[in-house]
Amino acid sequence: MHRTTRIKITELNPHLMCALCGGYFIDATTIVECLHSFCKTCIVGYLETNKYCPMCDVQVHKTRPLLSIRSDKTLQDIVYKLVPGLFKDEMKRRRDFYAANPTADTANGSNEDRGEVQEEEKRIIADDEIISLSIEFHEGTRNEKKLHESRESDKEKGNNKRFLRCPAAMTVMHLAKFLRSKMDIPSNYRIEVLYEDEPLKDYYTLMDIAYIYTWRRSTLQVRPAAVLLLDSGGVGNKPVSQKVMDSLGSSEERLARGWCGGLHSC
């Protein structure tokens, strides 16, 4: 069975840091010939006096090395998402620079170049950011139509939903433990949290899920998350019986106890 392991950011550092300045990539730029990457200012300054890659000595270009480098937006987005606070600090540094140098030419620069892009626009999520979370029971295929009708009704009700405010670093495992305690779920039932009918890994954080399913910071509701209870007793795992569901209360009672549909960040 394939096992997924989590790794520390320090193990990824060799792939996220510039060999010229020793810091995390800023405006990551890649040499076309060998695909080694550096900060833009670092590699541009280096190639003013050199025509070879500083890591592998491959010739970048015979006469105009700057023609053989490309901005790597994908790599830069990965760095910003993996390194907490880097994007925010870099945007502040750029704003401070232009505030101290009002005569600097910014006509051809983008908003990001000027430091005028917020984390919300870039979809960068901090570990301590608060995400509003609401969940509902996964009723199974038999009740999908009823569930859909219930969701439509919920949309009409608008503000009837309750949300649990959680830090983005909260894991699915912690959420399941909270639900077990909150709902008095017997220990012989396993809690499985699903999103778009896909079971979520215990080690996923809300931040991980936000990146995987491309949540956006808005009050626009996305597809609800659901909780499935599996009977751990006997052979295999089976969804809980209707009797158990009834014992946990009706839809209205579950709503009153904090169970509701929808899942989004604020």
Protein backbone atom coordinates (compact mmCIF):
# COMPACT_ATOMS: atom_id res chain seq x y z
CA MET A 1 0.00 0.00 0.00
CA HIS A 2 1.36 3.42 -0.96
CA ARG A 3 2.19 5.60 2.02
CA THR A 4 2.35 9.37 1.79
CA THR A 5 4.81 11.06 4.12
CA ARG A 6 5.06 14.71 5.04
CA ILE A 7 8.42 16.39 4.70
CA LYS A 8 9.88 19.46 6.35
CA ILE A 9 10.37 22.69 4.45
CA THR A 10 14.09 22.46 5.23
CA GLU A 11 14.27 19.33 3.07
CA LEU A 12 12.95 21.34 0.13
CA ASN A 13 15.25 24.31 0.68
CA PRO A 14 17.81 23.25 -1.97
CA HIS A 15 15.02 23.52 -4.55
CA LEU A 16 13.63 26.82 -3.24
CA MET A 17 16.78 28.84 -2.59
CA CYS A 18 19.04 30.87 -4.84
CA ALA A 19 22.63 29.63 -5.04
CA LEU A 20 23.90 33.17 -5.58
CA CYS A 21 22.40 34.97 -2.58
CA GLY A 22 21.48 32.03 -0.34
CA GLY A 23 17.92 33.28 0.16
CA TYR A 24 14.55 32.05 -1.05
CA PHE A 25 13.78 32.80 -4.69
CA ILE A 26 12.39 36.27 -5.40
CA ASP A 27 11.19 36.71 -8.99
CA ALA A 28 12.47 33.23 -9.80
CA THR A 29 14.26 33.17 -13.16
CA THR A 30 15.44 30.05 -14.98
CA ILE A 31 18.28 29.56 -17.47
CA VAL A 32 16.84 27.96 -20.60
CA GLU A 33 19.94 25.89 -21.41
CA CYS A 34 20.25 24.00 -18.10
CA LEU A 35 17.04 24.87 -16.17
CA HIS A 36 18.87 26.11 -13.08
CA SER A 37 16.95 28.87 -11.30
CA PHE A 38 17.97 32.00 -9.39
CA CYS A 39 16.54 35.28 -8.15
CA LYS A 40 16.09 37.63 -11.10
CA THR A 41 18.30 40.39 -9.72
CA CYS A 42 20.97 37.84 -8.78
CA ILE A 43 21.25 36.14 -12.17
CA VAL A 44 20.95 39.38 -14.16
CA GLY A 45 23.78 40.92 -12.15
CA TYR A 46 25.88 37.77 -12.50
CA LEU A 47 25.41 37.53 -16.28
CA GLU A 48 26.64 41.10 -16.75
CA THR A 49 30.18 39.77 -16.34
CA ASN A 50 29.74 36.04 -17.01
CA LYS A 51 28.31 33.90 -19.81
CA TYR A 52 28.17 30.58 -17.95
CA CYS A 53 25.70 29.12 -15.44
CA PRO A 54 27.03 29.65 -11.90
CA MET A 55 26.01 26.09 -10.96
CA CYS A 56 26.97 23.87 -13.88
CA ASP A 57 29.17 26.10 -16.08
CA VAL A 58 27.07 25.48 -19.18
CA GLN A 59 27.29 28.38 -21.61
CA VAL A 60 24.13 30.48 -21.33
CA HIS A 61 24.67 32.41 -24.57
CA LYS A 62 27.73 33.30 -26.62
CA THR A 63 27.15 37.03 -26.72
CA ARG A 64 23.83 37.99 -25.04
CA PRO A 65 23.16 35.68 -22.07
CA LEU A 66 20.12 37.66 -20.92
CA LEU A 67 18.26 36.32 -23.96
CA SER A 68 18.45 32.80 -22.50
CA ILE A 69 16.74 33.36 -19.15
CA ARG A 70 13.00 33.20 -18.46
CA SER A 71 10.79 34.25 -15.58
CA ASP A 72 9.46 31.19 -13.74
CA LYS A 73 6.09 32.21 -12.27
CA THR A 74 5.14 28.65 -11.33
CA LEU A 75 8.28 28.15 -9.24
CA GLN A 76 7.81 31.54 -7.58
CA ASP A 77 4.21 30.75 -6.67
CA ILE A 78 5.36 27.47 -5.08
CA VAL A 79 8.00 29.31 -3.02
CA TYR A 80 5.49 31.91 -1.82
CA LYS A 81 3.01 29.21 -0.79
CA LEU A 82 5.58 27.05 1.00
CA VAL A 83 7.47 29.76 2.90
CA PRO A 84 5.24 31.48 5.51
CA GLY A 85 5.29 35.27 5.39
CA LEU A 86 7.69 35.56 2.43
CA PHE A 87 5.18 37.10 0.02
CA LYS A 88 3.89 39.60 2.58
CA ASP A 89 7.42 40.64 3.56
CA GLU A 90 8.51 41.03 -0.06
CA MET A 91 5.49 43.18 -0.96
CA LYS A 92 6.20 45.40 2.06
CA ARG A 93 9.86 45.71 1.07
CA ARG A 94 8.87 46.85 -2.43
CA ARG A 95 6.34 49.38 -1.15
CA ASP A 96 8.93 50.77 1.27
CA PHE A 97 11.46 51.07 -1.55
CA TYR A 98 9.15 53.05 -3.81
CA ALA A 99 7.99 55.19 -0.89
CA ALA A 100 11.64 56.08 -0.19
CA ASN A 101 12.39 56.54 -3.90
CA PRO A 102 9.35 58.31 -5.40
CA THR A 103 11.30 59.17 -8.56
CA ALA A 104 11.96 55.50 -9.40
CA ASP A 105 10.47 54.48 -12.73
CA THR A 106 7.40 52.27 -12.21
CA ALA A 107 5.60 52.97 -15.48
CA ASN A 108 6.36 49.56 -16.97
CA GLY A 109 6.07 47.61 -13.72
CA SER A 110 3.12 45.51 -12.62
CA ASN A 111 1.23 45.92 -9.36
CA GLU A 112 3.26 43.05 -7.95
CA ASP A 113 6.50 44.79 -8.96
CA ARG A 114 5.37 47.81 -6.95
CA GLY A 115 4.30 45.69 -3.98
CA GLU A 116 0.64 46.58 -4.40
CA VAL A 117 -0.69 43.01 -4.51
CA GLN A 118 -2.27 41.64 -1.34
CA GLU A 119 -2.10 38.02 -0.17
CA GLU A 120 -5.82 37.70 -0.88
CA GLU A 121 -5.32 38.48 -4.56
CA LYS A 122 -2.39 36.06 -4.85
CA ARG A 123 -4.23 33.29 -2.96
CA ILE A 124 -1.45 33.03 -0.40
CA ILE A 125 -2.74 31.56 2.87
CA ALA A 126 -0.99 32.00 6.21
CA ASP A 127 -0.87 29.27 8.87
CA ASP A 128 -2.71 31.48 11.37
CA GLU A 129 -5.35 32.70 8.94
CA ILE A 130 -8.90 31.98 10.05
CA ILE A 131 -11.10 29.88 7.78
CA SER A 132 -14.84 29.62 8.37
CA LEU A 133 -15.87 25.99 8.09
CA SER A 134 -19.24 24.28 8.06
CA ILE A 135 -20.03 20.63 7.46
CA GLU A 136 -22.93 18.25 6.98
CA PHE A 137 -23.61 14.53 7.24
CA HIS A 138 -22.94 12.51 4.11
CA GLU A 139 -26.31 10.88 3.60
CA GLY A 140 -25.24 8.58 0.75
CA THR A 141 -26.54 8.18 -2.77
CA ARG A 142 -30.06 7.32 -1.63
CA ASN A 143 -30.63 10.78 -0.34
CA GLU A 144 -28.64 12.79 -2.88
CA LYS A 145 -31.76 14.31 -4.35
CA LYS A 146 -33.06 15.19 -0.91
CA LEU A 147 -29.65 16.61 0.00
CA HIS A 148 -29.61 18.73 -3.14
CA GLU A 149 -33.05 20.09 -2.31
CA SER A 150 -31.88 20.81 1.22
CA ARG A 151 -28.88 22.73 -0.11
CA GLU A 152 -31.09 24.76 -2.40
CA SER A 153 -33.31 25.53 0.58
CA ASP A 154 -30.24 26.52 2.57
CA LYS A 155 -29.24 28.97 -0.13
CA GLU A 156 -32.63 30.63 0.18
CA LYS A 157 -32.32 30.82 3.95
CA GLY A 158 -28.99 32.61 3.55
CA ASN A 159 -27.74 33.42 7.02
CA ASN A 160 -29.07 30.32 8.81
CA LYS A 161 -25.75 28.52 8.51
CA ARG A 162 -23.32 28.29 11.38
CA PHE A 163 -19.60 28.27 10.83
CA LEU A 164 -16.68 26.98 12.85
CA ARG A 165 -13.74 29.38 12.76
CA CYS A 166 -10.52 27.36 12.44
CA PRO A 167 -6.87 28.28 11.82
CA ALA A 168 -5.65 27.32 8.36
CA ALA A 169 -3.07 25.00 9.96
CA MET A 170 -5.79 22.80 11.52
CA THR A 171 -5.67 19.22 10.23
CA VAL A 172 -8.51 16.93 9.18
CA MET A 173 -7.50 14.63 12.05
CA HIS A 174 -8.05 17.42 14.59
CA LEU A 175 -11.37 18.26 12.96
CA ALA A 176 -12.48 14.62 13.26
CA LYS A 177 -11.50 14.53 16.94
CA PHE A 178 -13.48 17.70 17.55
CA LEU A 179 -16.53 16.25 15.81
CA ARG A 180 -16.33 13.04 17.83
CA SER A 181 -16.28 15.03 21.06
CA LYS A 182 -18.91 17.55 19.97
CA MET A 183 -21.37 14.97 18.64
CA ASP A 184 -20.69 12.21 21.21
CA ILE A 185 -19.90 9.74 18.43
CA PRO A 186 -19.13 6.23 19.79
CA SER A 187 -15.54 5.03 19.46
CA ASN A 188 -16.58 2.04 17.32
CA TYR A 189 -17.36 4.45 14.46
CA ARG A 190 -14.67 5.98 12.32
CA ILE A 191 -15.14 9.55 11.14
CA GLU A 192 -14.22 10.31 7.56
CA VAL A 193 -14.29 13.87 6.22
CA LEU A 194 -15.06 14.23 2.52
CA TYR A 195 -14.91 17.09 0.07
CA GLU A 196 -16.59 16.75 -3.32
CA ASP A 197 -17.17 13.08 -2.42
CA GLU A 198 -13.43 12.54 -2.01
CA PRO A 199 -12.10 11.38 1.39
CA LEU A 200 -9.56 13.80 2.84
CA LYS A 201 -6.27 12.59 4.32
CA ASP A 202 -5.95 12.94 8.09
CA TYR A 203 -2.78 14.98 7.73
CA TYR A 204 -4.30 17.53 5.30
CA THR A 205 -4.53 20.99 6.79
CA LEU A 206 -7.29 23.39 5.80
CA MET A 207 -4.57 25.32 3.97
CA ASP A 208 -3.68 22.18 1.99
CA ILE A 209 -7.33 21.66 1.06
CA ALA A 210 -7.68 25.31 0.05
CA TYR A 211 -4.77 24.96 -2.38
CA ILE A 212 -5.84 21.54 -3.70
CA TYR A 213 -9.43 22.62 -4.42
CA THR A 214 -8.59 26.24 -5.33
CA TRP A 215 -10.73 27.95 -2.72
CA ARG A 216 -10.99 31.69 -3.06
CA ARG A 217 -11.26 34.34 -0.38
CA SER A 218 -14.83 35.49 -0.83
CA THR A 219 -18.21 34.88 0.62
CA LEU A 220 -19.02 32.84 -2.45
CA GLN A 221 -19.95 29.39 -1.17
CA VAL A 222 -18.26 26.36 -2.68
CA ARG A 223 -19.42 22.77 -2.71
CA PRO A 224 -20.15 21.52 0.83
CA ALA A 225 -17.85 19.29 2.81
CA ALA A 226 -19.39 16.21 4.37
CA VAL A 227 -18.76 13.83 7.22
CA LEU A 228 -19.22 10.09 6.77
CA LEU A 229 -19.39 7.77 9.78
CA LEU A 230 -18.11 4.23 9.19
CA ASP A 231 -18.90 1.28 11.42
CA SER A 232 -15.54 -0.17 12.49
CA GLY A 233 -17.07 -3.25 14.07
CA GLY A 234 -17.29 -6.58 12.29
CA VAL A 235 -15.85 -7.15 8.84
CA GLY A 236 -14.91 -4.06 6.85
CA ASN A 237 -16.19 -0.53 7.27
CA LYS A 238 -19.86 0.14 6.65
CA PRO A 239 -21.75 3.43 6.69
CA VAL A 240 -23.73 3.96 9.86
CA SER A 241 -27.29 2.74 9.94
CA GLN A 242 -30.29 5.05 9.84
CA LYS A 243 -30.87 4.17 13.49
CA VAL A 244 -27.52 5.67 14.43
CA MET A 245 -28.22 8.70 12.26
CA ASP A 246 -31.54 9.17 14.01
CA SER A 247 -29.84 8.95 17.37
CA LEU A 248 -27.62 11.89 16.38
CA GLY A 249 -30.68 14.00 15.73
CA SER A 250 -32.70 15.37 12.85
CA SER A 251 -31.30 17.80 10.29
CA GLU A 252 -32.75 20.70 12.26
CA GLU A 253 -31.27 19.41 15.51
CA ARG A 254 -27.86 18.90 13.90
CA LEU A 255 -28.05 22.43 12.55
CA ALA A 256 -28.73 23.72 16.04
CA ARG A 257 -25.73 21.76 17.31
CA GLY A 258 -23.44 23.28 14.72
CA TRP A 259 -23.81 20.98 11.67
CA CYS A 260 -24.60 22.74 8.44
CA GLY A 261 -23.77 22.76 4.73
CA GLY A 262 -21.05 24.58 2.88
CA LEU A 263 -17.36 25.22 3.35
CA HIS A 264 -15.49 28.40 2.48
CA SER A 265 -12.79 30.75 3.64
CA CYS A 266 -13.49 34.23 4.85
